[in-house]
C-alpha cells in the first residue's frame, strides 16, 4: 500500500510539472513574443519545471547546422571549449553563452545533434560514460544527466531543447506514466 501511495505521489508531481510547463508556455504565447523571447521563456520554464541547473534551445540554421539561441544557467557546450577564447569575457556564463550562440555543429554530433538528426528525444540518466556527451575540463560544465527533445511546429522540425543536471543532484529519470 505504501508503494502505491509513493507511485501516486510521483504521478501527481509529474502531472503538475507538465501542467506548470503548459501554463508557462500559454502565458508566453499569449504575449505574442518574438522567437528569441519565446525561446528564452522555453528554457526558463524548462528549468523551473524539471529542476535542472541549465537549459538551452538549439536552432536548426539555414545551412542545416545546429546553434544555441537561448541559454539559461551554465549550459555545457556540445563541443570542447577553445583554449584561445577562455579569457576573453568577464564572466564564465557570458563566455559560455557566446560560445553556444556563435558556434555551429552538424546534425548527428553529440546528444543535441543526434536528437536533431533522429527527431527522437534522449534521456541520459548517467552521462559520465556516454560517448555522445562532451567531457569538459571545468567541473562546473560536467554533464551528469541530460534530457534533449526535438522541437517541432506543425510537423516542421526547428530545433532541440536540452536541460542538464537536476539541482537535487539526482539523475533525470523516465516518468512513470506515458501520455
N, C-alpha and C. Protein backbone atom coordinates (compact mmCIF):
# COMPACT_ATOMS: atom_id res chain seq x y z
N UNK A 1 0.82 -1.19 0.00
CA UNK A 1 0.00 0.00 0.00
C UNK A 1 0.87 1.27 0.00
N UNK A 2 1.97 1.18 0.75
CA UNK A 2 2.89 2.32 0.82
C UNK A 2 3.50 2.62 -0.54
N UNK A 3 3.88 1.56 -1.27
CA UNK A 3 4.48 1.72 -2.60
C UNK A 3 3.47 2.35 -3.55
N UNK A 4 2.22 1.98 -3.47
CA UNK A 4 1.18 2.55 -4.32
C UNK A 4 1.00 4.03 -4.01
N UNK A 5 1.02 4.37 -2.74
CA UNK A 5 0.93 5.79 -2.35
C UNK A 5 2.10 6.59 -2.89
N UNK A 6 3.32 6.03 -2.82
CA UNK A 6 4.51 6.71 -3.34
C UNK A 6 4.40 6.91 -4.85
N UNK A 7 3.96 5.88 -5.56
CA UNK A 7 3.80 5.98 -7.01
C UNK A 7 2.74 7.03 -7.36
N UNK A 8 1.66 7.05 -6.60
CA UNK A 8 0.60 8.03 -6.83
C UNK A 8 1.14 9.45 -6.63
N UNK A 9 1.97 9.65 -5.61
CA UNK A 9 2.58 10.97 -5.37
C UNK A 9 3.49 11.37 -6.51
N UNK A 10 4.27 10.42 -7.02
CA UNK A 10 5.17 10.71 -8.14
C UNK A 10 4.36 11.09 -9.37
N UNK A 11 3.30 10.35 -9.66
CA UNK A 11 2.45 10.67 -10.82
C UNK A 11 1.83 12.05 -10.64
N UNK A 12 1.39 12.38 -9.46
CA UNK A 12 0.83 13.70 -9.18
C UNK A 12 1.87 14.79 -9.41
N UNK A 13 3.09 14.57 -8.94
CA UNK A 13 4.16 15.55 -9.13
C UNK A 13 4.49 15.70 -10.61
N UNK A 14 4.59 14.59 -11.34
CA UNK A 14 4.91 14.65 -12.77
C UNK A 14 3.80 15.35 -13.54
N UNK A 15 2.56 15.09 -13.17
CA UNK A 15 1.44 15.77 -13.82
C UNK A 15 1.51 17.27 -13.57
N UNK A 16 1.84 17.67 -12.36
CA UNK A 16 1.96 19.09 -12.03
C UNK A 16 3.07 19.75 -12.83
N UNK A 17 4.17 19.04 -13.03
CA UNK A 17 5.28 19.57 -13.84
C UNK A 17 4.79 19.87 -15.25
N UNK A 18 4.07 18.95 -15.85
CA UNK A 18 3.55 19.15 -17.20
C UNK A 18 2.57 20.31 -17.24
N UNK A 19 1.67 20.37 -16.27
CA UNK A 19 0.69 21.46 -16.22
C UNK A 19 1.40 22.80 -16.06
N UNK A 20 2.39 22.86 -15.17
CA UNK A 20 3.14 24.11 -14.98
C UNK A 20 3.83 24.54 -16.27
N UNK A 21 4.45 23.59 -16.95
CA UNK A 21 5.14 23.92 -18.20
C UNK A 21 4.14 24.45 -19.22
N UNK A 22 3.01 23.78 -19.35
CA UNK A 22 1.99 24.23 -20.30
C UNK A 22 1.49 25.62 -19.94
N UNK A 23 1.33 25.89 -18.67
CA UNK A 23 0.90 27.22 -18.21
C UNK A 23 1.92 28.28 -18.61
N UNK A 24 3.20 28.00 -18.35
CA UNK A 24 4.25 28.96 -18.71
C UNK A 24 4.26 29.23 -20.22
N UNK A 25 4.09 28.19 -21.02
CA UNK A 25 4.11 28.36 -22.47
C UNK A 25 2.86 29.09 -22.95
N UNK A 26 1.71 28.81 -22.36
CA UNK A 26 0.49 29.52 -22.76
C UNK A 26 0.61 31.01 -22.45
N UNK A 27 1.18 31.34 -21.30
CA UNK A 27 1.40 32.76 -20.97
C UNK A 27 2.34 33.41 -21.99
N UNK A 28 3.41 32.71 -22.33
CA UNK A 28 4.39 33.25 -23.28
C UNK A 28 3.77 33.47 -24.65
N UNK A 29 3.00 32.51 -25.12
CA UNK A 29 2.38 32.64 -26.43
C UNK A 29 1.30 33.72 -26.44
N UNK A 30 0.63 33.90 -25.32
CA UNK A 30 -0.41 34.93 -25.23
C UNK A 30 0.14 36.33 -25.39
N UNK A 31 1.41 36.51 -25.08
CA UNK A 31 2.03 37.83 -25.22
C UNK A 31 2.61 38.05 -26.62
N UNK A 32 2.51 37.05 -27.50
CA UNK A 32 2.98 37.13 -28.87
C UNK A 32 4.44 37.59 -28.97
N UNK A 33 5.35 36.90 -28.30
CA UNK A 33 6.74 37.32 -28.31
C UNK A 33 7.44 36.98 -29.62
N UNK A 34 8.58 37.62 -29.84
CA UNK A 34 9.43 37.24 -30.97
C UNK A 34 10.01 35.87 -30.65
N UNK A 35 10.53 35.18 -31.65
CA UNK A 35 11.04 33.82 -31.43
C UNK A 35 12.16 33.81 -30.40
N UNK A 36 13.03 34.81 -30.40
CA UNK A 36 14.12 34.87 -29.43
C UNK A 36 13.58 34.92 -27.99
N UNK A 37 12.56 35.75 -27.77
CA UNK A 37 11.95 35.84 -26.44
C UNK A 37 11.23 34.54 -26.07
N UNK A 38 10.56 33.95 -27.04
CA UNK A 38 9.86 32.69 -26.79
C UNK A 38 10.85 31.59 -26.42
N UNK A 39 11.96 31.51 -27.14
CA UNK A 39 12.99 30.51 -26.82
C UNK A 39 13.50 30.73 -25.40
N UNK A 40 13.71 31.97 -25.01
CA UNK A 40 14.21 32.25 -23.67
C UNK A 40 13.18 31.82 -22.61
N UNK A 41 11.92 32.04 -22.90
CA UNK A 41 10.87 31.60 -21.97
C UNK A 41 10.81 30.07 -21.89
N UNK A 42 11.04 29.42 -23.02
CA UNK A 42 11.04 27.95 -23.03
C UNK A 42 12.15 27.42 -22.14
N UNK A 43 13.37 27.97 -22.25
CA UNK A 43 14.46 27.46 -21.40
C UNK A 43 14.19 27.77 -19.94
N UNK A 44 13.63 28.94 -19.66
CA UNK A 44 13.33 29.29 -18.27
C UNK A 44 12.27 28.35 -17.69
N UNK A 45 11.20 28.14 -18.43
CA UNK A 45 10.14 27.23 -17.96
C UNK A 45 10.66 25.81 -17.82
N UNK A 46 11.55 25.41 -18.69
CA UNK A 46 12.13 24.06 -18.62
C UNK A 46 12.93 23.87 -17.34
N UNK A 47 13.68 24.88 -16.97
CA UNK A 47 14.44 24.81 -15.72
C UNK A 47 13.49 24.76 -14.52
N UNK A 48 12.48 25.63 -14.54
CA UNK A 48 11.53 25.64 -13.43
C UNK A 48 10.81 24.30 -13.27
N UNK A 49 10.42 23.72 -14.39
CA UNK A 49 9.60 22.51 -14.34
C UNK A 49 10.40 21.22 -14.16
N UNK A 50 11.66 21.21 -14.55
CA UNK A 50 12.45 19.97 -14.41
C UNK A 50 13.41 20.02 -13.23
N UNK A 51 13.64 21.21 -12.69
CA UNK A 51 14.61 21.33 -11.61
C UNK A 51 16.05 21.27 -12.11
N UNK A 52 16.25 21.49 -13.40
CA UNK A 52 17.58 21.47 -13.99
C UNK A 52 18.36 22.72 -13.62
N UNK A 53 19.68 22.61 -13.67
CA UNK A 53 20.54 23.76 -13.42
C UNK A 53 20.73 24.62 -14.67
N UNK A 54 20.55 24.03 -15.85
CA UNK A 54 20.75 24.80 -17.08
C UNK A 54 19.91 24.22 -18.20
N UNK A 55 19.66 25.07 -19.21
CA UNK A 55 18.89 24.66 -20.38
C UNK A 55 19.33 25.49 -21.57
N UNK A 56 19.10 24.93 -22.75
CA UNK A 56 19.46 25.64 -23.98
C UNK A 56 18.53 25.18 -25.10
N UNK A 57 18.10 26.14 -25.93
CA UNK A 57 17.41 25.82 -27.17
C UNK A 57 18.43 25.96 -28.28
N UNK A 58 18.58 24.91 -29.06
CA UNK A 58 19.44 24.90 -30.23
C UNK A 58 18.53 24.97 -31.45
N UNK A 59 18.84 25.88 -32.36
CA UNK A 59 18.02 26.08 -33.55
C UNK A 59 18.72 25.51 -34.77
N UNK A 60 17.91 24.96 -35.67
CA UNK A 60 18.43 24.49 -36.95
C UNK A 60 18.67 25.71 -37.83
N UNK A 61 19.89 25.86 -38.34
CA UNK A 61 20.22 27.02 -39.18
C UNK A 61 19.88 26.74 -40.64
N UNK A 62 19.98 27.78 -41.45
CA UNK A 62 19.67 27.66 -42.87
C UNK A 62 20.59 26.66 -43.58
N UNK A 63 21.82 26.50 -43.09
CA UNK A 63 22.75 25.57 -43.73
C UNK A 63 22.75 24.20 -43.02
N UNK A 64 21.64 23.87 -42.34
CA UNK A 64 21.44 22.56 -41.73
C UNK A 64 22.45 22.24 -40.62
N UNK A 65 22.79 23.26 -39.86
CA UNK A 65 23.66 23.09 -38.69
C UNK A 65 22.84 23.48 -37.46
N UNK A 66 23.37 23.15 -36.28
CA UNK A 66 22.70 23.49 -35.03
C UNK A 66 23.48 24.60 -34.34
N UNK A 67 22.74 25.53 -33.69
CA UNK A 67 23.36 26.66 -32.98
C UNK A 67 22.50 27.02 -31.78
N UNK A 68 23.14 27.29 -30.65
CA UNK A 68 22.42 27.72 -29.45
C UNK A 68 21.83 29.10 -29.66
N UNK A 69 20.56 29.27 -29.27
CA UNK A 69 19.91 30.57 -29.44
C UNK A 69 19.34 31.13 -28.14
N UNK A 70 19.12 30.29 -27.15
CA UNK A 70 18.61 30.75 -25.85
C UNK A 70 19.21 29.86 -24.77
N UNK A 71 19.84 30.49 -23.78
CA UNK A 71 20.56 29.75 -22.75
C UNK A 71 20.20 30.30 -21.39
N UNK A 72 20.06 29.40 -20.43
CA UNK A 72 19.92 29.81 -19.04
C UNK A 72 20.77 28.87 -18.20
N UNK A 73 21.47 29.45 -17.25
CA UNK A 73 22.37 28.65 -16.42
C UNK A 73 23.69 28.45 -17.14
N UNK A 74 24.57 27.69 -16.53
CA UNK A 74 25.88 27.40 -17.10
C UNK A 74 25.76 26.14 -17.94
N UNK A 75 25.18 26.29 -19.14
CA UNK A 75 24.93 25.13 -20.00
C UNK A 75 26.23 24.68 -20.66
N UNK A 76 26.58 23.39 -20.51
CA UNK A 76 27.83 22.88 -21.09
C UNK A 76 27.78 22.88 -22.62
N UNK A 77 28.74 23.51 -23.28
CA UNK A 77 28.76 23.50 -24.74
C UNK A 77 28.88 22.08 -25.29
N UNK A 78 28.31 21.83 -26.47
CA UNK A 78 28.34 20.49 -27.04
C UNK A 78 29.69 20.10 -27.65
N UNK A 79 30.64 21.03 -27.60
CA UNK A 79 32.00 20.76 -28.08
C UNK A 79 32.99 21.24 -27.02
N UNK A 80 34.21 20.71 -27.03
CA UNK A 80 35.22 21.22 -26.09
C UNK A 80 35.45 22.71 -26.29
N UNK A 81 35.73 23.41 -25.20
CA UNK A 81 35.96 24.86 -25.28
C UNK A 81 37.31 25.15 -25.93
N UNK A 82 37.38 26.16 -26.80
CA UNK A 82 38.65 26.53 -27.40
C UNK A 82 39.55 27.23 -26.38
N UNK A 83 40.78 26.82 -26.26
CA UNK A 83 41.71 27.40 -25.28
C UNK A 83 41.93 28.89 -25.52
N UNK A 84 42.02 29.30 -26.77
CA UNK A 84 42.34 30.68 -27.10
C UNK A 84 41.27 31.67 -26.64
N UNK A 85 40.04 31.21 -26.50
CA UNK A 85 38.95 32.14 -26.19
C UNK A 85 38.60 32.21 -24.71
N UNK A 86 39.20 31.41 -23.87
CA UNK A 86 38.78 31.29 -22.48
C UNK A 86 38.88 32.58 -21.67
N UNK A 87 39.81 33.45 -21.94
CA UNK A 87 39.96 34.65 -21.13
C UNK A 87 39.33 35.90 -21.71
N UNK A 88 38.55 35.78 -22.76
CA UNK A 88 38.05 36.96 -23.46
C UNK A 88 36.87 37.65 -22.80
N UNK A 89 36.11 36.94 -22.01
CA UNK A 89 34.93 37.54 -21.42
C UNK A 89 35.06 37.63 -19.91
N UNK A 90 34.30 38.54 -19.32
CA UNK A 90 34.43 38.80 -17.89
C UNK A 90 33.82 37.71 -17.03
N UNK A 91 32.74 37.09 -17.46
CA UNK A 91 32.15 36.03 -16.66
C UNK A 91 32.10 34.74 -17.45
N UNK A 92 32.17 33.65 -16.72
CA UNK A 92 32.13 32.34 -17.36
C UNK A 92 30.78 32.12 -18.05
N UNK A 93 29.69 32.55 -17.42
CA UNK A 93 28.37 32.36 -18.01
C UNK A 93 28.25 33.10 -19.34
N UNK A 94 28.76 34.33 -19.41
CA UNK A 94 28.71 35.10 -20.66
C UNK A 94 29.60 34.44 -21.72
N UNK A 95 30.73 33.93 -21.30
CA UNK A 95 31.63 33.24 -22.22
C UNK A 95 30.93 32.03 -22.83
N UNK A 96 30.31 31.22 -21.98
CA UNK A 96 29.62 30.02 -22.45
C UNK A 96 28.48 30.41 -23.40
N UNK A 97 27.73 31.45 -23.04
CA UNK A 97 26.64 31.90 -23.89
C UNK A 97 27.17 32.33 -25.26
N UNK A 98 28.29 33.05 -25.27
CA UNK A 98 28.88 33.48 -26.54
C UNK A 98 29.29 32.28 -27.39
N UNK A 99 29.89 31.28 -26.77
CA UNK A 99 30.30 30.07 -27.50
C UNK A 99 29.06 29.38 -28.09
N UNK A 100 28.04 29.18 -27.26
CA UNK A 100 26.84 28.48 -27.72
C UNK A 100 26.15 29.21 -28.86
N UNK A 101 26.14 30.53 -28.80
CA UNK A 101 25.45 31.31 -29.84
C UNK A 101 26.27 31.53 -31.10
N UNK A 102 27.58 31.36 -31.01
CA UNK A 102 28.41 31.64 -32.18
C UNK A 102 28.87 30.39 -32.92
N UNK A 103 29.02 29.29 -32.24
CA UNK A 103 29.49 28.08 -32.90
C UNK A 103 28.33 27.24 -33.41
N UNK A 104 28.55 26.60 -34.53
CA UNK A 104 27.55 25.68 -35.06
C UNK A 104 28.17 24.28 -35.11
N UNK A 105 27.30 23.29 -35.16
CA UNK A 105 27.77 21.91 -35.28
C UNK A 105 26.74 21.14 -36.09
N UNK A 106 27.19 20.06 -36.72
CA UNK A 106 26.30 19.33 -37.65
C UNK A 106 25.31 18.41 -36.94
N UNK A 107 24.24 18.10 -37.65
CA UNK A 107 23.30 17.10 -37.19
C UNK A 107 24.06 15.80 -36.97
N UNK A 108 23.71 15.08 -35.93
CA UNK A 108 24.36 13.81 -35.63
C UNK A 108 25.52 13.91 -34.66
N UNK A 109 26.01 15.13 -34.39
CA UNK A 109 27.14 15.30 -33.48
C UNK A 109 26.66 15.55 -32.06
N UNK A 110 27.10 14.74 -31.12
CA UNK A 110 26.74 14.89 -29.72
C UNK A 110 25.27 14.58 -29.47
N UNK A 111 24.86 14.77 -28.24
CA UNK A 111 23.49 14.46 -27.85
C UNK A 111 22.50 15.32 -28.65
N UNK A 112 22.72 16.61 -28.69
CA UNK A 112 21.81 17.52 -29.41
C UNK A 112 21.77 17.18 -30.89
N UNK A 113 22.92 16.93 -31.48
CA UNK A 113 22.98 16.58 -32.89
C UNK A 113 22.26 15.28 -33.22
N UNK A 114 22.35 14.31 -32.31
CA UNK A 114 21.64 13.03 -32.50
C UNK A 114 20.13 13.25 -32.45
N UNK A 115 19.68 14.05 -31.49
CA UNK A 115 18.24 14.35 -31.40
C UNK A 115 17.79 15.08 -32.66
N UNK A 116 18.59 16.02 -33.14
CA UNK A 116 18.24 16.76 -34.35
C UNK A 116 18.17 15.83 -35.56
N UNK A 117 19.10 14.91 -35.65
CA UNK A 117 19.14 14.00 -36.80
C UNK A 117 18.02 12.97 -36.78
N UNK A 118 17.70 12.46 -35.60
CA UNK A 118 16.71 11.38 -35.49
C UNK A 118 15.31 11.87 -35.19
N UNK A 119 15.20 13.12 -34.69
CA UNK A 119 13.92 13.69 -34.25
C UNK A 119 13.32 12.86 -33.12
N UNK A 120 14.19 12.21 -32.33
CA UNK A 120 13.78 11.41 -31.19
C UNK A 120 14.43 11.97 -29.93
N UNK A 121 13.65 12.12 -28.86
CA UNK A 121 14.18 12.62 -27.61
C UNK A 121 15.14 11.62 -26.97
N UNK A 122 16.02 12.15 -26.12
CA UNK A 122 17.01 11.34 -25.42
C UNK A 122 17.00 11.72 -23.95
N UNK A 123 17.01 10.72 -23.08
CA UNK A 123 17.18 10.93 -21.66
C UNK A 123 18.39 10.11 -21.24
N UNK A 124 19.39 10.78 -20.70
CA UNK A 124 20.59 10.11 -20.23
C UNK A 124 20.68 10.36 -18.73
N UNK A 125 20.39 9.33 -17.95
CA UNK A 125 20.42 9.45 -16.50
C UNK A 125 21.83 9.61 -15.97
N UNK A 126 22.75 8.82 -16.50
CA UNK A 126 24.15 8.87 -16.08
C UNK A 126 25.01 9.16 -17.30
N UNK A 127 25.38 10.43 -17.45
CA UNK A 127 26.08 10.87 -18.66
C UNK A 127 27.58 10.59 -18.64
N UNK A 128 28.11 10.20 -17.50
CA UNK A 128 29.57 10.03 -17.37
C UNK A 128 30.15 9.07 -18.40
N UNK A 129 29.47 8.00 -18.71
CA UNK A 129 30.01 7.02 -19.64
C UNK A 129 29.44 7.10 -21.03
N UNK A 130 28.63 8.10 -21.32
CA UNK A 130 28.01 8.19 -22.64
C UNK A 130 28.92 8.91 -23.62
N UNK A 131 29.29 8.27 -24.72
CA UNK A 131 30.23 8.88 -25.67
C UNK A 131 29.67 10.10 -26.40
N UNK A 132 28.38 10.30 -26.38
CA UNK A 132 27.78 11.47 -27.04
C UNK A 132 27.94 12.74 -26.23
N UNK A 133 28.32 12.60 -24.95
CA UNK A 133 28.42 13.74 -24.04
C UNK A 133 29.87 14.19 -23.96
N UNK A 134 30.12 15.47 -24.22
CA UNK A 134 31.47 16.04 -24.16
C UNK A 134 31.92 16.09 -22.70
N UNK A 135 33.15 15.68 -22.45
CA UNK A 135 33.75 15.75 -21.12
C UNK A 135 34.59 17.02 -21.06
N UNK A 136 34.13 18.03 -20.31
CA UNK A 136 34.84 19.30 -20.18
C UNK A 136 35.82 19.23 -19.01
N UNK A 137 36.92 19.98 -19.10
CA UNK A 137 37.91 20.05 -18.02
C UNK A 137 37.33 20.78 -16.80
N UNK A 138 36.47 21.76 -17.03
CA UNK A 138 35.89 22.56 -15.97
C UNK A 138 34.80 21.75 -15.26
N UNK A 139 34.94 21.48 -13.96
CA UNK A 139 33.92 20.70 -13.24
C UNK A 139 32.53 21.34 -13.25
N UNK A 140 32.47 22.66 -13.39
CA UNK A 140 31.16 23.33 -13.44
C UNK A 140 30.40 23.00 -14.73
N UNK A 141 31.12 22.49 -15.73
CA UNK A 141 30.49 22.14 -17.01
C UNK A 141 30.27 20.63 -17.16
N UNK A 142 30.51 19.89 -16.09
CA UNK A 142 30.32 18.44 -16.14
C UNK A 142 28.83 18.13 -16.34
N UNK A 143 28.54 17.29 -17.32
CA UNK A 143 27.17 16.86 -17.56
C UNK A 143 26.99 15.54 -16.81
N UNK A 144 26.07 15.59 -15.84
CA UNK A 144 25.79 14.38 -15.05
C UNK A 144 24.55 13.67 -15.57
N UNK A 145 23.59 14.44 -16.04
CA UNK A 145 22.33 13.90 -16.55
C UNK A 145 21.76 14.91 -17.54
N UNK A 146 21.12 14.43 -18.59
CA UNK A 146 20.61 15.33 -19.63
C UNK A 146 19.33 14.77 -20.24
N UNK A 147 18.45 15.71 -20.61
CA UNK A 147 17.28 15.39 -21.41
C UNK A 147 17.34 16.32 -22.62
N UNK A 148 17.17 15.76 -23.80
CA UNK A 148 17.13 16.57 -25.03
C UNK A 148 15.94 16.09 -25.87
N UNK A 149 15.14 17.05 -26.34
CA UNK A 149 13.95 16.70 -27.12
C UNK A 149 13.88 17.57 -28.37
N UNK A 150 13.34 17.00 -29.45
CA UNK A 150 13.18 17.79 -30.67
C UNK A 150 12.05 18.81 -30.50
N UNK A 151 12.20 19.94 -31.15
CA UNK A 151 11.17 20.98 -31.17
C UNK A 151 10.57 21.02 -32.57
N UNK A 152 9.27 20.87 -32.64
CA UNK A 152 8.59 20.91 -33.93
C UNK A 152 7.36 21.80 -33.81
N UNK A 153 6.95 22.33 -34.94
CA UNK A 153 5.72 23.08 -35.02
C UNK A 153 5.05 22.73 -36.33
N UNK A 154 3.81 22.24 -36.26
CA UNK A 154 3.08 21.81 -37.46
C UNK A 154 3.93 20.87 -38.31
N UNK A 155 4.49 19.88 -37.66
CA UNK A 155 5.30 18.84 -38.29
C UNK A 155 6.61 19.35 -38.91
N UNK A 156 7.01 20.57 -38.58
CA UNK A 156 8.28 21.10 -39.08
C UNK A 156 9.26 21.17 -37.92
N UNK A 157 10.37 20.48 -38.06
CA UNK A 157 11.43 20.49 -37.06
C UNK A 157 12.17 21.82 -37.12
N UNK A 158 12.41 22.44 -35.96
CA UNK A 158 13.16 23.69 -35.96
C UNK A 158 14.26 23.75 -34.91
N UNK A 159 14.35 22.76 -34.03
CA UNK A 159 15.41 22.82 -33.04
C UNK A 159 15.33 21.73 -32.00
N UNK A 160 16.17 21.90 -30.98
CA UNK A 160 16.25 20.93 -29.88
C UNK A 160 16.29 21.72 -28.57
N UNK A 161 15.54 21.25 -27.59
CA UNK A 161 15.59 21.77 -26.24
C UNK A 161 16.36 20.76 -25.39
N UNK A 162 17.37 21.23 -24.66
CA UNK A 162 18.14 20.35 -23.79
C UNK A 162 18.21 20.95 -22.40
N UNK A 163 18.07 20.11 -21.39
CA UNK A 163 18.26 20.51 -19.99
C UNK A 163 19.30 19.58 -19.39
N UNK A 164 20.12 20.14 -18.48
CA UNK A 164 21.16 19.32 -17.86
C UNK A 164 21.15 19.46 -16.35
N UNK A 165 21.57 18.40 -15.71
CA UNK A 165 21.92 18.36 -14.29
C UNK A 165 20.83 18.87 -13.35
N UNK A 166 19.99 17.95 -12.86
CA UNK A 166 18.99 18.36 -11.87
C UNK A 166 19.66 18.99 -10.64
N UNK A 167 19.04 20.02 -10.11
CA UNK A 167 19.60 20.74 -8.96
C UNK A 167 19.72 19.86 -7.73
N UNK A 168 18.88 18.83 -7.63
CA UNK A 168 18.94 17.95 -6.45
C UNK A 168 20.09 16.94 -6.53
N UNK A 169 20.83 16.94 -7.64
CA UNK A 169 21.97 16.04 -7.79
C UNK A 169 21.60 14.64 -8.23
N UNK A 170 20.33 14.32 -8.26
CA UNK A 170 19.88 13.00 -8.71
C UNK A 170 19.77 13.00 -10.23
N UNK A 171 19.87 11.85 -10.86
CA UNK A 171 19.73 11.83 -12.32
C UNK A 171 18.29 12.03 -12.77
N UNK A 172 18.13 12.56 -13.97
CA UNK A 172 16.80 12.59 -14.56
C UNK A 172 16.37 11.13 -14.73
N UNK A 173 15.08 10.89 -14.67
CA UNK A 173 14.58 9.53 -14.84
C UNK A 173 13.33 9.55 -15.71
N UNK A 174 13.00 8.40 -16.25
CA UNK A 174 11.81 8.29 -17.08
C UNK A 174 10.58 8.46 -16.19
N UNK A 175 9.57 9.15 -16.70
CA UNK A 175 8.33 9.28 -15.92
C UNK A 175 7.63 7.93 -15.78
N UNK A 176 6.85 7.82 -14.75
CA UNK A 176 6.10 6.59 -14.52
C UNK A 176 5.01 6.42 -15.57
N UNK A 177 4.39 7.51 -15.96
CA UNK A 177 3.28 7.42 -16.92
C UNK A 177 3.70 7.90 -18.29
N UNK A 178 2.95 7.52 -19.30
CA UNK A 178 3.17 7.97 -20.68
C UNK A 178 1.93 8.72 -21.12
N UNK A 179 2.09 9.72 -21.96
CA UNK A 179 0.93 10.49 -22.47
C UNK A 179 0.38 9.81 -23.66
